[in-house]
């Protein structure tokens, strides 16, 4: 009860601080606008946005949101043991919720305001100036309202951390996930997004090419998952007992939603309904199919059977790898990148855990870390000047990848070690044995079914 009282008190104080600060920002903005209007009799015409671009970006935002909820929930949930299937839903919803609130408070401003080479300024703290008459577009996407740009980038922040949950599944406490998500988004994701996607970022100034998140999303989530798995330690019985997916149909359904949502993820990163967006969508489909075919073939050579999970994993690998390249490459480039990812990620998934002994539960690093690295390094190789200026070399993109590997990995280790000083990172042995669905949530996927494993 004392712990509950403290949690309620902390929550009330945080809510009060949010309300007070947000009210101050909301009241100061109209006052400043009124003073400016009184000082100058000149009436500024309202900004004019492109209706088609705005509609496309709203659709793309919804598509990316669906990738997380329910896409990631189903894709990961089906691969877990039945006793932990609901826990991934809880962790996904909880992390998405805290990231949304903190994105509005601080994250968006850190990532996408001018600031300096490392992070933005405070001009958009508490989402100040995002909504209202006369509010224009963001310099990166001037043809759409900035509120739409804000939401689209929020959907990326949400899914990036959701990907990490596959590495920590079946043992991390929900409370730890919430705190981890909060600090990771503010200290890791938002600065990295600024480095690469804001024109003032130090990697952007070097010419680093990442159209839709091969480095920002996939390398960052992959290395974060790897470090988190190391800090947490393996699941009970890892390497000694089979940990078989309980429902592959859920995983296939989730993969299908991810595949469809990826069109908004990549083509939406053009920020307009344009030929470049169409080209990114085409590259996305081609790479996914190349990855599915090559991974499936590798499974057939290795086992003599065509694995459904393998083909869907190959499609995801192709989608991951083409993410940074989708707005820069043609069909041949997308085909090559998807094929390379299908083969290399297959071998990473098959051998990484057995060679290292690291229990990355759902192979987040082998898929997203390796797939993101493949795409990041191959983007300058296959980029076409006819589509967009080629600003990077393989070496330039390699520097960016190494920087994100080092920073995301190092900060993840620090964040989790600090959290471990306050609370236990993982559930107890008895809770893990019975499953997180029962021990943490008091619920079961199917009450009539026996608890698996």
Foldseek 3Di string as FASTA:
>chain_A
DVVVVVVVVVVVVVVVVLVVVLVVLVVVVVVVVVVVCVVDVDDDDADAADPQLQVLLVVLLVLLLVLQVVLLLLQLLQFFFQQASVVLVLLLVLLLVLLVQVLQAPLVQQAQAQCAQQTHDCPCGNHRQQDDTRQADRPVQRRYRPVSVSSSVSSLLSVLQSLLCLQVGLWFASVLSNLLSNCCSRQALRRLNNLPPYCRHVLVVLVQFFQQDLQSRQQLSLLLSQLVLVVQDAAVCVPNDDGGRNHVVSSVVSLVSNLSSLLSRQLVSVSGDDPLSVQLSLLLVLLLQLQLVLQQVVCCVVPVDRDPVSSSLRSLLLNSLCRRQSSFAGNVLSNVLSNVSSVQLSVCVVPVCVVPVRCSPNCSNSRRNVSSLSNSLCNLVGGDVVRPDRSDHSVSSVVSNVVSSVSSNVVSNVSVVVVCVPDPGTDDPVDSVSHCCCSPPNDGPDVVDDRDD
